[in-house]
N, C-alpha and C. Protein backbone atom coordinates (compact mmCIF):
# COMPACT_ATOMS: atom_id res chain seq x y z
N UNK A 1 0.85 -1.18 0.00
CA UNK A 1 0.00 0.00 0.00
C UNK A 1 0.89 1.24 0.00
N UNK A 2 0.87 1.99 -1.04
CA UNK A 2 1.70 3.19 -1.16
C UNK A 2 0.95 4.45 -0.76
N UNK A 3 -0.32 4.34 -0.55
CA UNK A 3 -1.14 5.49 -0.21
C UNK A 3 -0.93 5.88 1.25
N UNK A 4 -0.85 7.16 1.53
CA UNK A 4 -0.74 7.65 2.90
C UNK A 4 -2.08 7.43 3.60
N UNK A 5 -2.05 6.83 4.80
CA UNK A 5 -3.31 6.63 5.52
C UNK A 5 -4.02 7.95 5.77
N UNK A 6 -5.34 7.90 5.73
CA UNK A 6 -6.14 9.10 5.93
C UNK A 6 -6.99 8.88 7.18
N UNK A 7 -6.70 9.64 8.21
CA UNK A 7 -7.47 9.61 9.45
C UNK A 7 -8.12 10.97 9.60
N UNK A 8 -9.45 10.96 9.74
CA UNK A 8 -10.19 12.21 9.85
C UNK A 8 -11.04 12.21 11.13
N UNK A 9 -11.14 13.39 11.72
CA UNK A 9 -12.00 13.59 12.89
C UNK A 9 -13.17 14.47 12.48
N UNK A 10 -14.35 14.11 12.94
CA UNK A 10 -15.55 14.89 12.69
C UNK A 10 -16.23 15.12 14.04
N UNK A 11 -16.25 16.36 14.47
CA UNK A 11 -16.89 16.70 15.75
C UNK A 11 -18.32 17.16 15.49
N UNK A 12 -19.26 16.34 15.90
CA UNK A 12 -20.66 16.75 15.81
C UNK A 12 -21.07 17.53 17.06
N UNK A 13 -20.24 17.42 18.09
CA UNK A 13 -20.39 18.22 19.31
C UNK A 13 -18.99 18.64 19.74
N UNK A 14 -18.85 19.67 20.57
CA UNK A 14 -17.52 20.11 21.01
C UNK A 14 -16.81 19.03 21.84
N UNK A 15 -15.50 18.88 21.57
CA UNK A 15 -14.69 17.90 22.29
C UNK A 15 -13.40 18.60 22.72
N UNK A 16 -13.37 19.12 23.96
CA UNK A 16 -12.22 19.90 24.39
C UNK A 16 -10.97 19.08 24.71
N UNK A 17 -11.10 17.78 24.93
CA UNK A 17 -9.97 17.01 25.44
C UNK A 17 -9.24 16.18 24.38
N UNK A 18 -9.47 16.46 23.12
CA UNK A 18 -8.78 15.71 22.07
C UNK A 18 -7.81 16.65 21.36
N UNK A 19 -6.62 16.71 21.92
CA UNK A 19 -5.59 17.60 21.40
C UNK A 19 -4.54 16.76 20.66
N UNK A 20 -3.58 17.40 20.03
CA UNK A 20 -2.49 16.71 19.34
C UNK A 20 -3.00 15.68 18.34
N UNK A 21 -3.90 16.09 17.51
CA UNK A 21 -4.53 15.15 16.56
C UNK A 21 -3.52 14.59 15.55
N UNK A 22 -2.52 15.39 15.15
CA UNK A 22 -1.51 14.86 14.22
C UNK A 22 -0.77 13.70 14.86
N UNK A 23 -0.39 13.86 16.11
CA UNK A 23 0.30 12.80 16.85
C UNK A 23 -0.60 11.57 16.98
N UNK A 24 -1.87 11.77 17.26
CA UNK A 24 -2.81 10.66 17.40
C UNK A 24 -2.99 9.93 16.07
N UNK A 25 -3.10 10.67 14.98
CA UNK A 25 -3.24 10.05 13.66
C UNK A 25 -2.04 9.15 13.36
N UNK A 26 -0.85 9.64 13.64
CA UNK A 26 0.37 8.86 13.42
C UNK A 26 0.38 7.61 14.31
N UNK A 27 -0.03 7.78 15.57
CA UNK A 27 -0.06 6.65 16.50
C UNK A 27 -1.05 5.58 16.02
N UNK A 28 -2.22 5.99 15.57
CA UNK A 28 -3.23 5.04 15.09
C UNK A 28 -2.71 4.25 13.88
N UNK A 29 -2.00 4.93 13.00
CA UNK A 29 -1.41 4.27 11.83
C UNK A 29 -0.40 3.22 12.28
N UNK A 30 0.45 3.59 13.24
CA UNK A 30 1.46 2.65 13.75
C UNK A 30 0.82 1.49 14.50
N UNK A 31 -0.23 1.78 15.27
CA UNK A 31 -0.91 0.73 16.03
C UNK A 31 -1.51 -0.31 15.08
N UNK A 32 -2.17 0.14 14.04
CA UNK A 32 -2.77 -0.79 13.07
C UNK A 32 -1.68 -1.64 12.42
N UNK A 33 -0.59 -1.00 12.02
CA UNK A 33 0.51 -1.73 11.38
C UNK A 33 1.09 -2.77 12.34
N UNK A 34 1.26 -2.38 13.59
CA UNK A 34 1.79 -3.30 14.60
C UNK A 34 0.87 -4.51 14.79
N UNK A 35 -0.44 -4.28 14.63
CA UNK A 35 -1.42 -5.36 14.77
C UNK A 35 -1.59 -6.16 13.47
N UNK A 36 -0.78 -5.82 12.45
CA UNK A 36 -0.79 -6.60 11.22
C UNK A 36 -1.78 -6.15 10.17
N UNK A 37 -2.37 -4.98 10.35
CA UNK A 37 -3.35 -4.47 9.38
C UNK A 37 -2.96 -3.04 9.00
N UNK A 38 -2.56 -2.81 7.77
CA UNK A 38 -2.27 -1.43 7.37
C UNK A 38 -3.55 -0.59 7.40
N UNK A 39 -3.38 0.67 7.74
CA UNK A 39 -4.52 1.59 7.83
C UNK A 39 -4.63 2.39 6.54
N UNK A 40 -5.79 2.32 5.91
CA UNK A 40 -6.05 3.09 4.69
C UNK A 40 -6.86 4.33 5.01
N UNK A 41 -8.06 4.15 5.58
CA UNK A 41 -8.88 5.30 5.98
C UNK A 41 -9.58 5.00 7.30
N UNK A 42 -9.68 6.01 8.13
CA UNK A 42 -10.39 5.89 9.40
C UNK A 42 -11.06 7.23 9.68
N UNK A 43 -12.38 7.18 9.84
CA UNK A 43 -13.14 8.38 10.22
C UNK A 43 -13.58 8.19 11.67
N UNK A 44 -13.29 9.19 12.48
CA UNK A 44 -13.67 9.17 13.89
C UNK A 44 -14.70 10.28 14.07
N UNK A 45 -15.93 9.87 14.34
CA UNK A 45 -17.04 10.80 14.44
C UNK A 45 -17.43 10.91 15.91
N UNK A 46 -17.25 12.08 16.48
CA UNK A 46 -17.54 12.33 17.89
C UNK A 46 -18.91 12.97 18.00
N UNK A 47 -19.81 12.30 18.72
CA UNK A 47 -21.21 12.71 18.72
C UNK A 47 -21.82 12.61 20.12
N UNK A 48 -23.12 12.85 20.19
CA UNK A 48 -23.86 12.81 21.46
C UNK A 48 -24.46 11.43 21.70
N UNK A 49 -24.92 11.21 22.93
CA UNK A 49 -25.63 9.98 23.28
C UNK A 49 -26.81 9.74 22.35
N UNK A 50 -27.61 10.76 22.14
CA UNK A 50 -28.83 10.60 21.35
C UNK A 50 -28.52 10.23 19.90
N UNK A 51 -27.49 10.84 19.34
CA UNK A 51 -27.09 10.53 17.97
C UNK A 51 -26.67 9.07 17.86
N UNK A 52 -25.83 8.61 18.81
CA UNK A 52 -25.35 7.24 18.76
C UNK A 52 -26.45 6.24 19.09
N UNK A 53 -27.36 6.62 19.98
CA UNK A 53 -28.50 5.74 20.27
C UNK A 53 -29.34 5.52 19.01
N UNK A 54 -29.57 6.57 18.25
CA UNK A 54 -30.36 6.41 17.02
C UNK A 54 -29.63 5.50 16.03
N UNK A 55 -28.31 5.60 15.96
CA UNK A 55 -27.54 4.71 15.08
C UNK A 55 -27.59 3.28 15.59
N UNK A 56 -27.50 3.11 16.90
CA UNK A 56 -27.54 1.78 17.50
C UNK A 56 -28.87 1.09 17.19
N UNK A 57 -29.95 1.85 17.27
CA UNK A 57 -31.28 1.31 16.93
C UNK A 57 -31.37 0.99 15.44
N UNK A 58 -30.94 1.93 14.61
CA UNK A 58 -31.09 1.80 13.16
C UNK A 58 -30.24 0.69 12.57
N UNK A 59 -28.97 0.61 12.96
CA UNK A 59 -28.05 -0.32 12.31
C UNK A 59 -27.86 -1.64 13.05
N UNK A 60 -28.04 -1.63 14.37
CA UNK A 60 -27.78 -2.85 15.15
C UNK A 60 -29.02 -3.37 15.86
N UNK A 61 -30.13 -2.64 15.76
CA UNK A 61 -31.38 -3.00 16.44
C UNK A 61 -31.18 -3.15 17.95
N UNK A 62 -30.31 -2.29 18.51
CA UNK A 62 -30.07 -2.25 19.96
C UNK A 62 -30.67 -0.96 20.50
N UNK A 63 -31.51 -1.08 21.52
CA UNK A 63 -32.15 0.10 22.11
C UNK A 63 -31.50 0.44 23.43
N UNK A 64 -30.20 0.78 23.36
CA UNK A 64 -29.48 1.20 24.57
C UNK A 64 -28.30 2.08 24.17
N UNK A 65 -27.84 2.85 25.16
CA UNK A 65 -26.70 3.74 24.94
C UNK A 65 -25.42 2.91 24.90
N UNK A 66 -24.46 3.37 24.12
CA UNK A 66 -23.16 2.74 24.04
C UNK A 66 -22.12 3.83 23.83
N UNK A 67 -20.87 3.51 24.10
CA UNK A 67 -19.83 4.52 23.93
C UNK A 67 -19.28 4.56 22.50
N UNK A 68 -19.36 3.44 21.80
CA UNK A 68 -18.80 3.40 20.44
C UNK A 68 -19.53 2.37 19.58
N UNK A 69 -19.65 2.71 18.31
CA UNK A 69 -20.07 1.76 17.29
C UNK A 69 -19.00 1.82 16.21
N UNK A 70 -18.49 0.64 15.85
CA UNK A 70 -17.43 0.53 14.85
C UNK A 70 -17.99 -0.09 13.59
N UNK A 71 -17.77 0.57 12.47
CA UNK A 71 -18.17 0.04 11.17
C UNK A 71 -16.92 -0.31 10.38
N UNK A 72 -16.78 -1.59 10.04
CA UNK A 72 -15.65 -2.05 9.24
C UNK A 72 -16.06 -1.99 7.77
N UNK A 73 -15.42 -1.11 7.02
CA UNK A 73 -15.72 -0.92 5.60
C UNK A 73 -14.62 -1.48 4.71
N UNK A 74 -13.72 -2.26 5.31
CA UNK A 74 -12.57 -2.80 4.60
C UNK A 74 -13.00 -3.78 3.52
N UNK A 75 -12.30 -3.72 2.41
CA UNK A 75 -12.55 -4.66 1.32
C UNK A 75 -11.36 -5.57 1.09
N UNK A 76 -10.24 -5.27 1.65
CA UNK A 76 -9.04 -6.09 1.54
C UNK A 76 -8.37 -6.16 2.89
N UNK A 77 -7.05 -6.26 2.89
CA UNK A 77 -6.33 -6.36 4.16
C UNK A 77 -6.18 -5.00 4.85
N UNK A 78 -6.24 -3.92 4.07
CA UNK A 78 -6.07 -2.59 4.65
C UNK A 78 -7.37 -2.15 5.35
N UNK A 79 -7.20 -1.53 6.50
CA UNK A 79 -8.34 -1.08 7.30
C UNK A 79 -8.98 0.15 6.67
N UNK A 80 -10.30 0.07 6.52
CA UNK A 80 -11.13 1.21 6.17
C UNK A 80 -12.32 1.13 7.12
N UNK A 81 -12.51 2.15 7.93
CA UNK A 81 -13.60 2.06 8.89
C UNK A 81 -14.04 3.40 9.44
N UNK A 82 -15.13 3.31 10.21
CA UNK A 82 -15.70 4.49 10.87
C UNK A 82 -15.93 4.14 12.33
N UNK A 83 -15.53 5.08 13.20
CA UNK A 83 -15.77 4.95 14.64
C UNK A 83 -16.70 6.07 15.06
N UNK A 84 -17.89 5.71 15.52
CA UNK A 84 -18.85 6.69 16.04
C UNK A 84 -18.76 6.61 17.56
N UNK A 85 -18.41 7.72 18.19
CA UNK A 85 -18.14 7.73 19.62
C UNK A 85 -19.03 8.75 20.31
N UNK A 86 -19.76 8.28 21.35
CA UNK A 86 -20.58 9.17 22.16
C UNK A 86 -19.70 9.83 23.23
N UNK A 87 -19.50 11.11 23.09
CA UNK A 87 -18.70 11.85 24.07
C UNK A 87 -19.42 11.85 25.43
N UNK A 88 -20.75 11.85 25.43
CA UNK A 88 -21.52 11.77 26.68
C UNK A 88 -21.19 10.49 27.44
N UNK A 89 -21.17 9.35 26.75
CA UNK A 89 -20.86 8.05 27.37
C UNK A 89 -19.42 8.05 27.86
N UNK A 90 -18.51 8.60 27.05
CA UNK A 90 -17.09 8.64 27.42
C UNK A 90 -16.91 9.44 28.71
N UNK A 91 -17.63 10.55 28.83
CA UNK A 91 -17.55 11.35 30.07
C UNK A 91 -18.03 10.54 31.27
N UNK A 92 -19.15 9.83 31.11
CA UNK A 92 -19.67 8.99 32.20
C UNK A 92 -18.70 7.86 32.52
N UNK A 93 -18.13 7.23 31.49
CA UNK A 93 -17.15 6.16 31.70
C UNK A 93 -15.95 6.67 32.48
N UNK A 94 -15.46 7.85 32.13
CA UNK A 94 -14.30 8.42 32.82
C UNK A 94 -14.58 8.55 34.31
N UNK A 95 -15.77 9.01 34.65
CA UNK A 95 -16.14 9.11 36.07
C UNK A 95 -16.24 7.73 36.72
N UNK A 96 -16.88 6.80 36.04
CA UNK A 96 -17.06 5.45 36.58
C UNK A 96 -15.74 4.72 36.78
N UNK A 97 -14.80 4.93 35.86
CA UNK A 97 -13.51 4.23 35.91
C UNK A 97 -12.42 5.05 36.60
N UNK A 98 -12.80 6.19 37.21
CA UNK A 98 -11.82 7.08 37.84
C UNK A 98 -10.67 7.41 36.88
N UNK A 99 -11.04 7.76 35.68
CA UNK A 99 -10.08 8.10 34.64
C UNK A 99 -10.31 9.55 34.23
N UNK A 100 -9.41 10.07 33.42
CA UNK A 100 -9.63 11.41 32.88
C UNK A 100 -10.43 11.29 31.58
N UNK A 101 -11.09 12.34 31.20
CA UNK A 101 -11.82 12.35 29.93
C UNK A 101 -10.85 12.10 28.78
N UNK A 102 -9.69 12.70 28.83
CA UNK A 102 -8.71 12.53 27.77
C UNK A 102 -8.30 11.06 27.64
N UNK A 103 -7.99 10.41 28.75
CA UNK A 103 -7.56 9.01 28.69
C UNK A 103 -8.70 8.11 28.22
N UNK A 104 -9.90 8.34 28.72
CA UNK A 104 -11.03 7.49 28.35
C UNK A 104 -11.38 7.67 26.87
N UNK A 105 -11.31 8.89 26.37
CA UNK A 105 -11.58 9.12 24.96
C UNK A 105 -10.57 8.38 24.08
N UNK A 106 -9.31 8.42 24.47
CA UNK A 106 -8.29 7.70 23.72
C UNK A 106 -8.50 6.19 23.83
N UNK A 107 -8.89 5.70 25.01
CA UNK A 107 -9.13 4.27 25.18
C UNK A 107 -10.22 3.80 24.21
N UNK A 108 -11.28 4.58 24.11
CA UNK A 108 -12.39 4.20 23.23
C UNK A 108 -11.97 4.26 21.76
N UNK A 109 -11.18 5.25 21.38
CA UNK A 109 -10.67 5.30 20.01
C UNK A 109 -9.81 4.08 19.72
N UNK A 110 -8.90 3.75 20.65
CA UNK A 110 -8.05 2.56 20.46
C UNK A 110 -8.91 1.30 20.41
N UNK A 111 -9.94 1.23 21.24
CA UNK A 111 -10.86 0.09 21.27
C UNK A 111 -11.47 -0.12 19.87
N UNK A 112 -11.95 0.95 19.27
CA UNK A 112 -12.54 0.85 17.94
C UNK A 112 -11.55 0.37 16.90
N UNK A 113 -10.35 0.93 16.92
CA UNK A 113 -9.33 0.51 15.96
C UNK A 113 -8.95 -0.95 16.19
N UNK A 114 -8.87 -1.36 17.45
CA UNK A 114 -8.54 -2.76 17.76
C UNK A 114 -9.62 -3.71 17.22
N UNK A 115 -10.88 -3.29 17.28
CA UNK A 115 -11.94 -4.09 16.65
C UNK A 115 -11.64 -4.26 15.17
N UNK A 116 -11.27 -3.17 14.51
CA UNK A 116 -10.97 -3.23 13.08
C UNK A 116 -9.75 -4.10 12.79
N UNK A 117 -8.89 -4.27 13.79
CA UNK A 117 -7.71 -5.13 13.65
C UNK A 117 -8.03 -6.59 13.94
N UNK A 118 -9.27 -6.86 14.38
CA UNK A 118 -9.67 -8.25 14.60
C UNK A 118 -9.99 -8.63 16.02
N UNK A 119 -9.76 -7.73 16.97
CA UNK A 119 -10.09 -8.04 18.37
C UNK A 119 -11.60 -8.10 18.55
N UNK A 120 -12.01 -8.98 19.43
CA UNK A 120 -13.44 -9.13 19.74
C UNK A 120 -13.61 -8.87 21.24
N UNK A 121 -14.88 -8.70 21.67
CA UNK A 121 -15.13 -8.46 23.10
C UNK A 121 -16.47 -9.03 23.55
N UNK A 122 -16.83 -10.19 23.03
CA UNK A 122 -18.12 -10.79 23.40
C UNK A 122 -17.99 -11.87 24.48
N UNK A 123 -16.81 -12.45 24.64
CA UNK A 123 -16.61 -13.49 25.66
C UNK A 123 -15.64 -12.97 26.72
N UNK A 124 -15.64 -13.56 27.92
CA UNK A 124 -14.69 -13.13 28.95
C UNK A 124 -13.23 -13.18 28.47
N UNK A 125 -12.87 -14.22 27.73
CA UNK A 125 -11.50 -14.34 27.21
C UNK A 125 -11.19 -13.19 26.25
N UNK A 126 -12.11 -12.92 25.33
CA UNK A 126 -11.90 -11.85 24.36
C UNK A 126 -11.88 -10.48 25.03
N UNK A 127 -12.73 -10.28 26.04
CA UNK A 127 -12.74 -9.01 26.78
C UNK A 127 -11.39 -8.78 27.45
N UNK A 128 -10.84 -9.82 28.04
CA UNK A 128 -9.54 -9.72 28.71
C UNK A 128 -8.45 -9.35 27.70
N UNK A 129 -8.49 -9.98 26.52
CA UNK A 129 -7.51 -9.67 25.47
C UNK A 129 -7.67 -8.23 24.98
N UNK A 130 -8.92 -7.79 24.80
CA UNK A 130 -9.19 -6.43 24.35
C UNK A 130 -8.69 -5.42 25.37
N UNK A 131 -9.00 -5.64 26.65
CA UNK A 131 -8.57 -4.70 27.70
C UNK A 131 -7.04 -4.62 27.77
N UNK A 132 -6.37 -5.75 27.62
CA UNK A 132 -4.91 -5.75 27.64
C UNK A 132 -4.35 -4.97 26.45
N UNK A 133 -4.94 -5.15 25.28
CA UNK A 133 -4.49 -4.42 24.09
C UNK A 133 -4.76 -2.92 24.24
N UNK A 134 -5.92 -2.56 24.80
CA UNK A 134 -6.23 -1.15 25.05
C UNK A 134 -5.18 -0.55 25.99
N UNK A 135 -4.86 -1.28 27.06
CA UNK A 135 -3.90 -0.78 28.05
C UNK A 135 -2.51 -0.62 27.45
N UNK A 136 -2.11 -1.58 26.60
CA UNK A 136 -0.81 -1.45 25.92
C UNK A 136 -0.79 -0.19 25.06
N UNK A 137 -1.87 0.05 24.33
CA UNK A 137 -1.95 1.23 23.47
C UNK A 137 -1.91 2.51 24.29
N UNK A 138 -2.68 2.54 25.37
CA UNK A 138 -2.68 3.73 26.24
C UNK A 138 -1.30 3.99 26.83
N UNK A 139 -0.66 2.94 27.29
CA UNK A 139 0.68 3.09 27.89
C UNK A 139 1.69 3.58 26.86
N UNK A 140 1.59 3.07 25.65
CA UNK A 140 2.52 3.50 24.60
C UNK A 140 2.25 4.95 24.18
N UNK A 141 0.98 5.32 24.11
CA UNK A 141 0.63 6.67 23.66
C UNK A 141 0.95 7.73 24.71
N UNK A 142 0.66 7.42 25.97
CA UNK A 142 0.84 8.41 27.05
C UNK A 142 2.14 8.19 27.83
N UNK A 143 3.14 7.61 27.18
CA UNK A 143 4.42 7.34 27.88
C UNK A 143 5.13 8.59 28.30
């Protein structure tokens, strides 16, 4: 793949704690490569609870709030995807997990990319693997 990866952020609501986006874009590209999947395009859409709830109902037939919905649009080995993230849920998660908004927002972004790299989180074993991968990414990013 000779194309430069394209990572875009779309704020549907204000997000004060997502700084250094160039650094984050580079980190996401490296994380995907490290996980064995080159990154082609990634759109990160930051939205409200209500926006994500409507998407959850429409696309997944789930009638509950969630922090992220990941859409894998890949057609080959290179990652192409969209991460829809509820900033409202991320704020609540940060309080629940005694974390900062900045760290929790990054954890959720890494979580979505890890899904696109093949990680799952439906069984206890997979959840443990996902959490470990999230923690490795957070530790590497915030070193």
